[in-house]
Amino acid sequence: MAKTYEDLVAEARENAGQTDVDEVKRALDSGEEITIVDVREPAEYDEGHLPGAIHVPRGLLEYRASTDLPDKNRRMVTHCALGGRGALAASTLTEMGYTNVANMQGGINGWREQGYEVES
């Protein structure tokens, strides 16, 4: 049977780490070396993004990862709007040999719901 988007996202969540918005906020506030990878589309990113986030749209991730994300051992957190695309991205990066990747559950919507700052 063919897999649905939901099936693929569920598998991706099993294949890659997951974190929550509060943990990401603590890491950023503490000055931890962490790369935030925003995999949303350009218009979404332009409407607001996490402070210091690197924008690599999901559709270009495999193509741009080696140049935009050169350190495969650095802690990385992917995110999208809600968590599906971010989970797929985290799983893909893990398959590409990145060793410390997690998806931020709830995405930027969860970030905003907590009242955390976004840049535009």
N, C-alpha and C. Protein backbone atom coordinates (compact mmCIF):
# COMPACT_ATOMS: atom_id res chain seq x y z
N MET A 1 0.84 -1.18 0.00
CA MET A 1 0.00 0.00 0.00
C MET A 1 0.89 1.25 0.00
N ALA A 2 0.50 2.24 -0.75
CA ALA A 2 1.25 3.49 -0.82
C ALA A 2 1.16 4.24 0.50
N LYS A 3 2.22 4.95 0.83
CA LYS A 3 2.27 5.71 2.07
C LYS A 3 1.67 7.10 1.86
N THR A 4 1.02 7.60 2.90
CA THR A 4 0.48 8.95 2.89
C THR A 4 1.51 9.90 3.49
N TYR A 5 1.23 11.18 3.38
CA TYR A 5 2.06 12.20 4.02
C TYR A 5 2.17 11.91 5.51
N GLU A 6 1.05 11.58 6.13
CA GLU A 6 1.04 11.31 7.57
C GLU A 6 1.92 10.12 7.91
N ASP A 7 1.91 9.08 7.05
CA ASP A 7 2.77 7.92 7.26
C ASP A 7 4.24 8.32 7.21
N LEU A 8 4.58 9.12 6.20
CA LEU A 8 5.97 9.55 6.03
C LEU A 8 6.43 10.39 7.22
N VAL A 9 5.58 11.28 7.69
CA VAL A 9 5.94 12.12 8.84
C VAL A 9 6.10 11.27 10.10
N ALA A 10 5.22 10.31 10.30
CA ALA A 10 5.33 9.43 11.48
C ALA A 10 6.64 8.66 11.45
N GLU A 11 7.02 8.15 10.29
CA GLU A 11 8.30 7.45 10.15
C GLU A 11 9.47 8.39 10.41
N ALA A 12 9.36 9.62 9.89
CA ALA A 12 10.43 10.60 10.08
C ALA A 12 10.60 10.92 11.56
N ARG A 13 9.51 11.03 12.28
CA ARG A 13 9.59 11.32 13.72
C ARG A 13 10.26 10.18 14.47
N GLU A 14 10.11 8.96 13.98
CA GLU A 14 10.78 7.82 14.60
C GLU A 14 12.27 7.78 14.25
N ASN A 15 12.62 8.27 13.05
CA ASN A 15 14.00 8.20 12.56
C ASN A 15 14.90 9.32 13.07
N ALA A 16 14.32 10.40 13.52
CA ALA A 16 15.12 11.55 13.95
C ALA A 16 14.66 11.99 15.33
N GLY A 17 15.52 12.69 16.02
CA GLY A 17 15.18 13.19 17.34
C GLY A 17 14.09 14.24 17.30
N GLN A 18 13.45 14.42 18.43
CA GLN A 18 12.41 15.43 18.59
C GLN A 18 12.76 16.27 19.81
N THR A 19 12.45 17.54 19.75
CA THR A 19 12.63 18.44 20.88
C THR A 19 11.42 19.35 20.93
N ASP A 20 11.31 20.15 21.98
CA ASP A 20 10.17 21.06 22.06
C ASP A 20 10.65 22.50 22.07
N VAL A 21 9.72 23.41 21.92
CA VAL A 21 10.06 24.82 21.80
C VAL A 21 10.76 25.35 23.04
N ASP A 22 10.36 24.88 24.22
CA ASP A 22 10.98 25.37 25.45
C ASP A 22 12.46 24.97 25.52
N GLU A 23 12.79 23.76 25.10
CA GLU A 23 14.18 23.31 25.09
C GLU A 23 15.01 24.14 24.10
N VAL A 24 14.46 24.43 22.95
CA VAL A 24 15.17 25.24 21.96
C VAL A 24 15.39 26.65 22.51
N LYS A 25 14.38 27.21 23.14
CA LYS A 25 14.51 28.55 23.73
C LYS A 25 15.59 28.56 24.80
N ARG A 26 15.62 27.53 25.67
CA ARG A 26 16.66 27.45 26.71
C ARG A 26 18.05 27.37 26.08
N ALA A 27 18.18 26.57 25.03
CA ALA A 27 19.48 26.43 24.36
C ALA A 27 19.93 27.75 23.76
N LEU A 28 19.04 28.46 23.11
CA LEU A 28 19.39 29.76 22.53
C LEU A 28 19.74 30.77 23.61
N ASP A 29 18.94 30.82 24.67
CA ASP A 29 19.18 31.78 25.76
C ASP A 29 20.49 31.51 26.49
N SER A 30 20.89 30.25 26.55
CA SER A 30 22.13 29.91 27.27
C SER A 30 23.38 30.13 26.41
N GLY A 31 23.16 30.46 25.13
CA GLY A 31 24.31 30.68 24.25
C GLY A 31 24.88 29.39 23.68
N GLU A 32 24.16 28.30 23.83
CA GLU A 32 24.62 27.02 23.28
C GLU A 32 24.84 27.15 21.77
N GLU A 33 25.85 26.47 21.27
CA GLU A 33 26.08 26.46 19.83
C GLU A 33 25.06 25.53 19.20
N ILE A 34 24.11 26.13 18.55
CA ILE A 34 23.00 25.39 17.95
C ILE A 34 22.63 26.08 16.64
N THR A 35 22.35 25.29 15.64
CA THR A 35 21.91 25.83 14.36
C THR A 35 20.43 25.54 14.20
N ILE A 36 19.66 26.59 14.01
CA ILE A 36 18.22 26.46 13.76
C ILE A 36 18.02 26.49 12.25
N VAL A 37 17.40 25.44 11.72
CA VAL A 37 17.18 25.32 10.28
C VAL A 37 15.69 25.44 10.01
N ASP A 38 15.30 26.56 9.40
CA ASP A 38 13.91 26.83 9.05
C ASP A 38 13.67 26.28 7.66
N VAL A 39 12.81 25.27 7.54
CA VAL A 39 12.61 24.61 6.25
C VAL A 39 11.31 25.05 5.56
N ARG A 40 10.72 26.13 6.03
CA ARG A 40 9.49 26.63 5.42
C ARG A 40 9.79 27.31 4.08
N GLU A 41 8.76 27.65 3.37
CA GLU A 41 8.89 28.35 2.09
C GLU A 41 9.32 29.80 2.33
N PRO A 42 9.92 30.44 1.31
CA PRO A 42 10.43 31.81 1.49
C PRO A 42 9.40 32.81 2.03
N ALA A 43 8.18 32.77 1.54
CA ALA A 43 7.17 33.73 2.02
C ALA A 43 6.88 33.51 3.50
N GLU A 44 6.86 32.25 3.94
CA GLU A 44 6.64 31.96 5.35
C GLU A 44 7.79 32.49 6.20
N TYR A 45 9.01 32.25 5.74
CA TYR A 45 10.20 32.71 6.45
C TYR A 45 10.18 34.24 6.58
N ASP A 46 9.82 34.92 5.49
CA ASP A 46 9.80 36.38 5.49
C ASP A 46 8.79 36.96 6.47
N GLU A 47 7.75 36.19 6.80
CA GLU A 47 6.74 36.66 7.75
C GLU A 47 7.22 36.62 9.19
N GLY A 48 8.34 35.96 9.42
CA GLY A 48 8.92 35.88 10.76
C GLY A 48 9.58 34.53 10.97
N HIS A 49 10.73 34.57 11.65
CA HIS A 49 11.49 33.34 11.88
C HIS A 49 12.21 33.43 13.22
N LEU A 50 12.67 32.28 13.70
CA LEU A 50 13.41 32.25 14.95
C LEU A 50 14.69 33.06 14.82
N PRO A 51 15.11 33.70 15.90
CA PRO A 51 16.34 34.50 15.85
C PRO A 51 17.53 33.66 15.38
N GLY A 52 18.21 34.16 14.36
CA GLY A 52 19.41 33.52 13.85
C GLY A 52 19.18 32.29 12.99
N ALA A 53 17.95 31.99 12.66
CA ALA A 53 17.65 30.78 11.87
C ALA A 53 18.26 30.86 10.48
N ILE A 54 18.72 29.72 10.01
CA ILE A 54 19.19 29.57 8.64
C ILE A 54 18.01 29.07 7.81
N HIS A 55 17.77 29.73 6.69
CA HIS A 55 16.63 29.35 5.86
C HIS A 55 17.08 28.40 4.75
N VAL A 56 16.60 27.18 4.82
CA VAL A 56 16.86 26.18 3.78
C VAL A 56 15.51 25.51 3.49
N PRO A 57 14.79 25.98 2.49
CA PRO A 57 13.47 25.40 2.21
C PRO A 57 13.55 23.88 2.06
N ARG A 58 12.53 23.19 2.54
CA ARG A 58 12.50 21.73 2.51
C ARG A 58 12.81 21.17 1.12
N GLY A 59 12.29 21.79 0.10
CA GLY A 59 12.50 21.31 -1.26
C GLY A 59 13.92 21.42 -1.76
N LEU A 60 14.75 22.20 -1.07
CA LEU A 60 16.14 22.38 -1.47
C LEU A 60 17.13 21.79 -0.47
N LEU A 61 16.63 21.15 0.55
CA LEU A 61 17.48 20.70 1.66
C LEU A 61 18.62 19.79 1.20
N GLU A 62 18.30 18.75 0.47
CA GLU A 62 19.34 17.81 0.05
C GLU A 62 20.39 18.50 -0.82
N TYR A 63 19.95 19.42 -1.64
CA TYR A 63 20.84 20.14 -2.55
C TYR A 63 21.75 21.12 -1.80
N ARG A 64 21.21 21.83 -0.82
CA ARG A 64 21.97 22.89 -0.16
C ARG A 64 22.62 22.50 1.16
N ALA A 65 22.33 21.33 1.69
CA ALA A 65 22.83 20.95 3.01
C ALA A 65 24.34 21.05 3.12
N SER A 66 25.07 20.54 2.17
CA SER A 66 26.53 20.51 2.31
C SER A 66 27.14 21.90 2.33
N THR A 67 26.53 22.86 1.67
CA THR A 67 27.08 24.22 1.68
C THR A 67 26.51 25.07 2.81
N ASP A 68 25.21 24.94 3.06
CA ASP A 68 24.57 25.77 4.08
C ASP A 68 24.73 25.21 5.50
N LEU A 69 24.98 23.91 5.61
CA LEU A 69 25.10 23.23 6.91
C LEU A 69 26.34 22.35 6.89
N PRO A 70 27.53 22.95 6.83
CA PRO A 70 28.74 22.16 6.61
C PRO A 70 29.18 21.28 7.78
N ASP A 71 28.83 21.63 9.02
CA ASP A 71 29.30 20.88 10.19
C ASP A 71 28.29 19.79 10.54
N LYS A 72 28.58 18.56 10.15
CA LYS A 72 27.64 17.45 10.38
C LYS A 72 27.54 17.03 11.84
N ASN A 73 28.42 17.54 12.69
CA ASN A 73 28.38 17.17 14.11
C ASN A 73 27.77 18.25 15.01
N ARG A 74 27.49 19.41 14.46
CA ARG A 74 26.91 20.50 15.23
C ARG A 74 25.46 20.20 15.58
N ARG A 75 25.01 20.64 16.73
CA ARG A 75 23.61 20.45 17.10
C ARG A 75 22.74 21.29 16.17
N MET A 76 21.75 20.64 15.57
CA MET A 76 20.83 21.32 14.66
C MET A 76 19.40 21.00 15.06
N VAL A 77 18.56 22.01 14.92
CA VAL A 77 17.13 21.84 15.15
C VAL A 77 16.41 22.34 13.91
N THR A 78 15.64 21.45 13.30
CA THR A 78 14.83 21.84 12.15
C THR A 78 13.44 22.25 12.64
N HIS A 79 12.80 23.09 11.85
CA HIS A 79 11.40 23.42 12.16
C HIS A 79 10.71 23.94 10.92
N CYS A 80 9.40 23.84 10.96
CA CYS A 80 8.54 24.38 9.92
C CYS A 80 7.42 25.15 10.63
N ALA A 81 6.22 25.11 10.11
CA ALA A 81 5.11 25.80 10.76
C ALA A 81 4.55 24.99 11.93
N LEU A 82 4.32 23.69 11.71
CA LEU A 82 3.71 22.84 12.74
C LEU A 82 4.58 21.67 13.17
N GLY A 83 5.39 21.14 12.29
CA GLY A 83 6.26 20.03 12.66
C GLY A 83 6.43 18.94 11.62
N GLY A 84 5.55 18.84 10.64
CA GLY A 84 5.65 17.78 9.65
C GLY A 84 6.85 17.91 8.74
N ARG A 85 6.99 19.05 8.08
CA ARG A 85 8.13 19.26 7.20
C ARG A 85 9.44 19.25 7.98
N GLY A 86 9.40 19.78 9.20
CA GLY A 86 10.59 19.77 10.05
C GLY A 86 11.02 18.36 10.38
N ALA A 87 10.06 17.47 10.66
CA ALA A 87 10.38 16.08 10.95
C ALA A 87 10.99 15.41 9.73
N LEU A 88 10.42 15.66 8.56
CA LEU A 88 10.97 15.09 7.32
C LEU A 88 12.39 15.60 7.09
N ALA A 89 12.62 16.88 7.35
CA ALA A 89 13.95 17.46 7.18
C ALA A 89 14.95 16.86 8.16
N ALA A 90 14.55 16.72 9.42
CA ALA A 90 15.45 16.14 10.42
C ALA A 90 15.82 14.71 10.06
N SER A 91 14.86 13.95 9.59
CA SER A 91 15.11 12.57 9.17
C SER A 91 16.07 12.54 7.98
N THR A 92 15.84 13.42 7.02
CA THR A 92 16.70 13.48 5.84
C THR A 92 18.13 13.83 6.24
N LEU A 93 18.29 14.83 7.09
CA LEU A 93 19.64 15.22 7.52
C LEU A 93 20.32 14.07 8.26
N THR A 94 19.57 13.35 9.07
CA THR A 94 20.12 12.19 9.76
C THR A 94 20.60 11.15 8.75
N GLU A 95 19.79 10.89 7.74
CA GLU A 95 20.18 9.95 6.68
C GLU A 95 21.41 10.42 5.92
N MET A 96 21.61 11.74 5.87
CA MET A 96 22.76 12.31 5.16
C MET A 96 24.02 12.35 6.03
N GLY A 97 23.94 11.82 7.25
CA GLY A 97 25.13 11.73 8.09
C GLY A 97 25.27 12.80 9.16
N TYR A 98 24.25 13.65 9.32
CA TYR A 98 24.28 14.63 10.41
C TYR A 98 24.00 13.88 11.70
N THR A 99 24.78 14.15 12.73
CA THR A 99 24.76 13.30 13.92
C THR A 99 23.96 13.82 15.10
N ASN A 100 23.55 15.10 15.07
CA ASN A 100 22.89 15.68 16.25
C ASN A 100 21.74 16.57 15.79
N VAL A 101 20.73 15.95 15.18
CA VAL A 101 19.61 16.68 14.60
C VAL A 101 18.32 16.32 15.31
N ALA A 102 17.49 17.32 15.56
CA ALA A 102 16.16 17.09 16.13
C ALA A 102 15.18 18.05 15.46
N ASN A 103 13.95 17.64 15.43
CA ASN A 103 12.87 18.48 14.93
C ASN A 103 12.19 19.16 16.12
N MET A 104 11.88 20.44 15.95
CA MET A 104 11.17 21.18 17.00
C MET A 104 9.67 20.94 16.83
N GLN A 105 9.12 20.14 17.72
CA GLN A 105 7.69 19.82 17.67
C GLN A 105 6.87 21.09 17.85
N GLY A 106 5.84 21.22 17.06
CA GLY A 106 4.98 22.40 17.13
C GLY A 106 5.42 23.52 16.21
N GLY A 107 6.65 23.43 15.70
CA GLY A 107 7.15 24.42 14.75
C GLY A 107 7.08 25.85 15.26
N ILE A 108 7.14 26.77 14.31
CA ILE A 108 7.12 28.19 14.69
C ILE A 108 5.77 28.58 15.30
N ASN A 109 4.72 27.87 14.93
CA ASN A 109 3.42 28.17 15.56
C ASN A 109 3.48 27.90 17.06
N GLY A 110 4.11 26.80 17.45
CA GLY A 110 4.28 26.51 18.87
C GLY A 110 5.18 27.53 19.55
N TRP A 111 6.21 27.97 18.84
CA TRP A 111 7.12 29.00 19.34
C TRP A 111 6.34 30.28 19.63
N ARG A 112 5.53 30.69 18.68
CA ARG A 112 4.75 31.92 18.85
C ARG A 112 3.71 31.76 19.97
N GLU A 113 3.11 30.58 20.07
CA GLU A 113 2.12 30.35 21.14
C GLU A 113 2.74 30.52 22.52
N GLN A 114 4.02 30.25 22.65
CA GLN A 114 4.72 30.43 23.93
C GLN A 114 5.09 31.90 24.15
N GLY A 115 4.87 32.73 23.14
CA GLY A 115 5.19 34.15 23.27
C GLY A 115 6.64 34.48 23.02
N TYR A 116 7.37 33.56 22.39
CA TYR A 116 8.79 33.79 22.11
C TYR A 116 8.99 34.68 20.89
N GLU A 117 10.08 35.40 20.89
CA GLU A 117 10.41 36.38 19.87
C GLU A 117 10.67 35.75 18.51
N VAL A 118 10.22 36.45 17.48
CA VAL A 118 10.59 36.11 16.10
C VAL A 118 11.20 37.33 15.45
N GLU A 119 12.05 37.05 14.46
CA GLU A 119 12.65 38.13 13.65
C GLU A 119 11.92 38.18 12.32
N SER A 120 11.96 39.35 11.67
CA SER A 120 11.39 39.44 10.34
C SER A 120 12.34 40.12 9.39
